[in-house]
Amino acid sequence: MRYFKPRKKLCVNSGAGSVKFSFDGTKIVFSLYDETIRIWDAELRNELAIMKGHFDVIQDAQFSPDDSLVVSCSNDRTIRLWEVKSGLELQQLRGHRRSVTNIQFSRDGTIIASGSLDGTIILWDMKSRQQIRTLETKSSEKITSMQFSPDGTTLIACINNYTQIWNIEPGLHVKHWLERINGYKAQFSSDGFFIACCTDAKIRMWDMRSRKELKSFEPQPFVTDIKFFPNISTLATCSNKTIFLWDIKTNQNYQQLEGHSKDITRLDVSPNGEIIISSSVDKTIRLWTPF
């Protein structure tokens, strides 16, 4: 088990809605309620880019797998692509009828998946920048979480407290592979064999091979984000103002990280497992490192 301590606090001029490491672990991207996207180095020493263009709250932002682009989505119903080096907007993708709440690159960078309040997930081809498939969900509620599996063959999305999973076969033939697990946040492990799902009362871990629930963790308050560590031995979750670290083997919460003065919106773990980054409505980004 690794124990973490506060390392650095970055004060920003508005609440932060999302935060994410680059794939090489050297940068972070976070979105602010002032409708901007910021890129900083992973040690929070230097601001590298400011991206402006959205005209409503930005819901999500993340790097492309080669770290050359950032993709973002907003309540303004657009998906936007940005060049990391220059900070310039490259293109807007439009197709959703309501706010776009989640955005994800496939691991090979060839597909973007966007989820919306309109109850759909759109798959976009990165080469043509065109829609290639629309996945209809069973609810028109907000899509609260969405992720491709590490091998790119599976997409998981949480909609209105349940989880739908699609198998994306060669040629983009899409079918329901495992249709329903309760949860409003879900994350794949780094090997793609496991999914951790949050419900109102529990954190549940599922085996994607057997399609069975393996274990559950003790009840927690409303969980706003969940992440596996790369070694799959630890889970990080955030609830209200606190980050919880869980030992997967024993199902025990072994550390709580406190420092934020208001609710934490998102967290992420660096690719090497050495840094936790968190964003909050308290207008701070906080960095945590091992003792």
Protein backbone atom coordinates (compact mmCIF):
# COMPACT_ATOMS: atom_id res chain seq x y z
CA MET A 1 0.00 0.00 0.00
CA ARG A 2 1.21 3.49 -0.86
CA TYR A 3 0.41 6.38 1.46
CA PHE A 4 0.08 9.88 0.02
CA LYS A 5 0.50 13.42 1.34
CA PRO A 6 -0.36 16.89 -0.01
CA ARG A 7 2.33 18.11 -2.40
CA LYS A 8 1.06 21.29 -4.02
CA LYS A 9 -2.04 23.45 -4.37
CA LEU A 10 -2.81 25.52 -7.47
CA CYS A 11 -5.34 28.31 -6.95
CA VAL A 12 -7.45 29.13 -10.01
CA ASN A 13 -10.04 31.82 -10.68
CA SER A 14 -13.14 29.60 -10.72
CA GLY A 15 -14.30 26.12 -9.80
CA ALA A 16 -12.65 23.26 -11.69
CA GLY A 17 -14.92 20.68 -13.31
CA SER A 18 -12.46 18.09 -14.60
CA VAL A 19 -8.78 17.13 -14.46
CA LYS A 20 -6.79 14.57 -16.43
CA PHE A 21 -3.16 13.51 -16.91
CA SER A 22 -1.57 13.26 -20.34
CA PHE A 23 -0.75 9.73 -21.45
CA ASP A 24 2.98 10.32 -20.95
CA GLY A 25 2.31 11.71 -17.46
CA THR A 26 4.15 15.01 -18.01
CA LYS A 27 1.12 17.33 -18.29
CA ILE A 28 -2.38 17.81 -16.92
CA VAL A 29 -5.44 19.34 -18.52
CA PHE A 30 -8.29 20.78 -16.48
CA SER A 31 -11.49 22.63 -17.30
CA LEU A 32 -12.78 25.60 -15.31
CA TYR A 33 -16.25 27.00 -14.80
CA ASP A 34 -15.05 30.22 -16.47
CA GLU A 35 -15.33 28.31 -19.80
CA THR A 36 -11.57 27.87 -20.28
CA ILE A 37 -9.31 24.83 -20.52
CA ARG A 38 -5.84 24.99 -18.99
CA ILE A 39 -2.76 22.82 -19.56
CA TRP A 40 -0.02 22.74 -16.92
CA ASP A 41 3.04 20.60 -16.37
CA ALA A 42 2.40 17.68 -14.04
CA GLU A 43 4.27 19.34 -11.16
CA LEU A 44 1.98 22.42 -11.37
CA ARG A 45 4.94 24.74 -11.93
CA ASN A 46 4.16 26.24 -15.34
CA GLU A 47 1.04 26.95 -17.35
CA LEU A 48 1.57 25.67 -20.89
CA ALA A 49 -1.65 26.71 -22.67
CA ILE A 50 -5.02 28.39 -22.21
CA MET A 51 -7.83 27.32 -24.54
CA LYS A 52 -10.82 29.59 -25.04
CA GLY A 53 -13.85 29.12 -27.28
CA HIS A 54 -16.64 27.33 -25.43
CA PHE A 55 -19.46 29.64 -24.38
CA ASP A 56 -20.99 27.51 -21.62
CA VAL A 57 -19.77 25.20 -18.84
CA ILE A 58 -17.12 22.71 -20.00
CA GLN A 59 -18.00 19.23 -18.79
CA ASP A 60 -14.92 17.23 -19.75
CA ALA A 61 -11.49 17.51 -21.38
CA GLN A 62 -8.75 14.99 -22.09
CA PHE A 63 -5.62 14.40 -24.15
CA SER A 64 -5.38 12.29 -27.28
CA PRO A 65 -3.27 9.12 -26.84
CA ASP A 66 -0.26 10.79 -28.52
CA ASP A 67 -0.75 13.90 -26.32
CA SER A 68 -0.78 16.24 -29.33
CA LEU A 69 -4.47 17.16 -29.03
CA VAL A 70 -7.05 17.92 -26.37
CA VAL A 71 -10.73 17.14 -26.89
CA SER A 72 -13.39 18.91 -24.82
CA CYS A 73 -17.17 18.96 -24.52
CA SER A 74 -19.58 21.51 -23.11
CA ASN A 75 -23.10 22.54 -22.29
CA ASP A 76 -22.88 24.59 -25.51
CA ARG A 77 -23.53 21.24 -27.30
CA THR A 78 -20.16 21.20 -29.05
CA ILE A 79 -17.11 18.96 -29.01
CA ARG A 80 -13.90 20.86 -29.73
CA LEU A 81 -10.44 19.73 -30.77
CA TRP A 82 -7.42 21.78 -29.70
CA GLU A 83 -3.73 21.66 -30.54
CA VAL A 84 -1.71 21.22 -27.35
CA LYS A 85 1.42 22.98 -28.60
CA SER A 86 -0.31 26.20 -29.70
CA GLY A 87 -3.51 26.08 -27.66
CA LEU A 88 -5.47 26.84 -30.83
CA GLU A 89 -8.90 25.42 -31.61
CA LEU A 90 -8.72 23.14 -34.64
CA GLN A 91 -12.31 22.03 -35.16
CA GLN A 92 -15.80 21.82 -33.72
CA LEU A 93 -17.91 18.68 -33.91
CA ARG A 94 -21.67 19.13 -33.74
CA GLY A 95 -24.36 16.49 -33.58
CA HIS A 96 -25.87 16.36 -30.10
CA ARG A 97 -29.16 18.10 -29.38
CA ARG A 98 -28.37 18.85 -25.73
CA SER A 99 -25.35 19.38 -23.45
CA VAL A 100 -22.39 17.08 -24.10
CA THR A 101 -21.37 15.63 -20.75
CA ASN A 102 -18.54 13.16 -21.47
CA ILE A 103 -15.84 12.72 -24.08
CA GLN A 104 -13.36 9.88 -24.67
CA PHE A 105 -10.65 8.97 -27.19
CA SER A 106 -10.24 5.32 -28.07
CA ARG A 107 -6.82 4.03 -27.04
CA ASP A 108 -5.52 4.04 -30.63
CA GLY A 109 -6.79 7.59 -31.16
CA THR A 110 -8.93 6.74 -34.18
CA ILE A 111 -12.35 7.24 -32.54
CA ILE A 112 -13.89 9.82 -30.22
CA ALA A 113 -16.98 8.88 -28.21
CA SER A 114 -19.22 11.68 -26.93
CA GLY A 115 -22.10 11.31 -24.50
CA SER A 116 -24.94 13.77 -24.06
CA LEU A 117 -28.06 14.69 -22.12
CA ASP A 118 -29.96 13.84 -25.31
CA GLY A 119 -29.54 10.15 -24.39
CA THR A 120 -27.12 9.27 -27.18
CA ILE A 121 -23.46 8.42 -27.57
CA ILE A 122 -21.92 9.41 -30.90
CA LEU A 123 -18.80 7.74 -32.28
CA TRP A 124 -16.67 10.10 -34.41
CA ASP A 125 -13.96 9.13 -36.88
CA MET A 126 -10.82 11.15 -36.16
CA LYS A 127 -9.56 10.99 -39.72
CA SER A 128 -12.69 12.37 -41.39
CA ARG A 129 -14.02 14.16 -38.27
CA GLN A 130 -17.47 12.76 -39.16
CA GLN A 131 -20.08 10.80 -37.23
CA ILE A 132 -19.81 7.08 -37.88
CA ARG A 133 -22.28 5.59 -35.39
CA THR A 134 -24.88 6.68 -32.86
CA LEU A 135 -25.51 4.45 -29.85
CA GLU A 136 -28.98 4.79 -28.40
CA THR A 137 -29.23 4.39 -24.65
CA LYS A 138 -32.26 3.25 -22.69
CA SER A 139 -32.68 6.61 -20.98
CA SER A 140 -32.56 10.29 -21.83
CA GLU A 141 -30.78 11.04 -18.57
CA LYS A 142 -27.27 12.46 -18.20
CA ILE A 143 -24.39 10.20 -19.12
CA THR A 144 -22.24 10.46 -16.00
CA SER A 145 -19.27 8.32 -17.03
CA MET A 146 -17.85 6.82 -20.20
CA GLN A 147 -14.65 4.93 -21.06
CA PHE A 148 -13.14 2.70 -23.73
CA SER A 149 -11.44 -0.51 -22.60
CA PRO A 150 -7.63 -0.54 -22.99
CA ASP A 151 -7.88 -2.68 -26.15
CA GLY A 152 -10.59 -0.45 -27.64
CA THR A 153 -13.09 -3.26 -28.14
CA THR A 154 -15.51 -2.27 -25.38
CA LEU A 155 -17.23 0.97 -24.38
CA ILE A 156 -18.81 1.41 -20.98
CA ALA A 157 -21.19 4.23 -20.11
CA CYS A 158 -23.19 5.08 -17.00
CA ILE A 159 -26.64 6.52 -17.60
CA ASN A 160 -29.20 7.33 -14.90
CA ASN A 161 -27.67 5.01 -12.27
CA TYR A 162 -27.16 2.03 -14.53
CA THR A 163 -24.31 0.97 -16.78
CA GLN A 164 -24.49 -0.15 -20.39
CA ILE A 165 -21.59 -1.93 -22.07
CA TRP A 166 -21.13 -2.23 -25.82
CA ASN A 167 -18.79 -4.55 -27.66
CA ILE A 168 -17.30 -2.69 -30.63
CA GLU A 169 -16.24 -5.26 -33.19
CA PRO A 170 -14.05 -4.78 -36.32
CA GLY A 171 -15.86 -2.66 -38.88
CA LEU A 172 -17.57 -0.76 -36.02
CA HIS A 173 -20.31 -3.34 -35.66
CA VAL A 174 -21.69 -2.52 -32.22
CA LYS A 175 -23.67 -4.84 -30.00
CA HIS A 176 -24.64 -5.03 -26.34
CA TRP A 177 -22.08 -7.30 -24.69
CA LEU A 178 -23.15 -6.93 -21.09
CA GLU A 179 -26.13 -4.69 -20.76
CA ARG A 180 -26.80 -3.68 -17.21
CA ILE A 181 -24.83 -3.07 -14.02
CA ASN A 182 -26.01 -0.60 -11.40
CA GLY A 183 -23.75 2.43 -11.09
CA TYR A 184 -23.28 6.08 -12.02
CA LYS A 185 -19.46 6.00 -12.33
CA ALA A 186 -17.43 3.17 -13.86
CA GLN A 187 -13.76 2.65 -14.70
CA PHE A 188 -11.74 -0.10 -16.38
CA SER A 189 -8.59 -1.46 -14.79
CA SER A 190 -5.39 -0.96 -16.80
CA ASP A 191 -5.54 -4.54 -18.13
CA GLY A 192 -9.23 -4.26 -19.04
CA PHE A 193 -10.19 -7.32 -17.00
CA PHE A 194 -12.08 -5.48 -14.26
CA ILE A 195 -14.61 -2.67 -13.87
CA ALA A 196 -15.18 -0.68 -10.70
CA CYS A 197 -18.68 0.82 -10.42
CA CYS A 198 -20.06 3.29 -7.89
CA THR A 199 -23.62 3.16 -6.65
CA ASP A 200 -25.26 5.34 -4.01
CA ALA A 201 -24.22 2.95 -1.24
CA LYS A 202 -21.30 0.82 -2.47
CA ILE A 203 -18.32 0.46 -4.75
CA ARG A 204 -18.59 -2.77 -6.70
CA MET A 205 -15.92 -4.58 -8.70
CA TRP A 206 -16.83 -6.77 -11.67
CA ASP A 207 -14.85 -9.34 -13.67
CA MET A 208 -15.33 -8.64 -17.37
CA ARG A 209 -14.36 -12.21 -18.31
CA SER A 210 -16.84 -14.04 -16.10
CA ARG A 211 -19.33 -11.11 -16.10
CA LYS A 212 -19.76 -11.57 -12.37
CA GLU A 213 -19.43 -9.28 -9.38
CA LEU A 214 -16.24 -10.06 -7.48
CA LYS A 215 -16.52 -7.88 -4.40
CA SER A 216 -17.96 -4.72 -2.93
CA PHE A 217 -16.56 -2.07 -0.63
CA GLU A 218 -18.16 -0.55 2.44
CA PRO A 219 -20.83 2.14 1.91
CA GLN A 220 -19.61 5.65 1.16
CA PRO A 221 -21.26 9.01 0.57
CA PHE A 222 -21.99 10.04 -2.99
CA VAL A 223 -18.86 9.22 -5.05
CA THR A 224 -17.99 11.78 -7.72
CA ASP A 225 -15.08 9.90 -9.33
CA ILE A 226 -13.21 6.60 -9.19
CA LYS A 227 -9.82 5.49 -10.57
CA PHE A 228 -7.75 2.32 -10.53
CA PHE A 229 -4.05 2.66 -9.84
CA PRO A 230 -1.96 1.20 -12.70
CA ASN A 231 -0.93 -1.85 -10.61
CA ILE A 232 -4.64 -2.63 -9.93
CA SER A 233 -3.91 -3.04 -6.20
CA THR A 234 -5.50 0.26 -5.18
CA LEU A 235 -8.65 2.24 -5.96
CA ALA A 236 -8.95 5.99 -5.48
CA THR A 237 -12.39 7.53 -5.01
CA CYS A 238 -13.60 10.97 -4.01
CA SER A 239 -16.68 11.87 -1.99
CA ASN A 240 -17.56 15.39 -0.91
CA LYS A 241 -14.24 17.01 0.15
CA THR A 242 -12.23 13.79 0.67
CA ILE A 243 -10.18 11.34 -1.41
CA PHE A 244 -10.36 7.72 -0.25
CA LEU A 245 -7.68 5.11 -1.01
CA TRP A 246 -8.81 1.47 -0.99
CA ASP A 247 -6.81 -1.73 -0.79
CA ILE A 248 -8.48 -3.98 -3.36
CA LYS A 249 -7.21 -7.22 -1.78
CA THR A 250 -8.69 -6.50 1.65
CA ASN A 251 -11.60 -4.21 0.57
CA GLN A 252 -10.43 -1.72 3.20
CA ASN A 253 -10.18 2.06 3.06
CA TYR A 254 -6.63 2.59 4.34
CA GLN A 255 -6.20 6.36 3.87
CA GLN A 256 -8.26 9.52 3.51
CA LEU A 257 -6.76 12.62 1.91
CA GLU A 258 -8.24 15.90 3.09
CA GLY A 259 -7.50 19.48 2.13
CA HIS A 260 -10.20 20.64 -0.26
CA SER A 261 -12.68 23.01 1.36
CA LYS A 262 -15.55 22.18 -1.03
CA ASP A 263 -16.68 19.21 -3.12
CA ILE A 264 -14.12 17.42 -5.29
CA THR A 265 -15.32 17.13 -8.89
CA ARG A 266 -12.77 14.75 -10.42
CA LEU A 267 -9.51 12.97 -9.70
CA ASP A 268 -6.88 11.17 -11.74
CA VAL A 269 -3.84 8.98 -11.09
CA SER A 270 -0.65 9.44 -13.10
CA PRO A 271 0.38 6.62 -15.47
CA ASN A 272 3.20 5.58 -13.12
CA GLY A 273 0.95 5.69 -10.04
CA GLU A 274 3.15 8.29 -8.31
CA ILE A 275 0.81 11.30 -8.36
CA ILE A 276 -2.87 11.87 -7.59
CA ILE A 277 -4.42 15.06 -8.98
CA SER A 278 -7.81 16.41 -7.88
CA SER A 279 -10.09 19.26 -8.96
CA SER A 280 -12.73 20.99 -6.87
CA VAL A 281 -15.38 23.69 -6.78
CA ASP A 282 -13.17 25.35 -4.12
CA LYS A 283 -11.12 26.89 -6.99
CA THR A 284 -8.08 24.67 -6.48
CA ILE A 285 -6.23 21.86 -8.22
CA ARG A 286 -4.34 19.73 -5.69
CA LEU A 287 -1.44 17.38 -6.21
CA TRP A 288 -0.71 14.44 -3.86
CA THR A 289 2.46 12.31 -3.80
CA PRO A 290 3.72 9.33 -1.74
CA PHE A 291 5.44 9.71 1.62
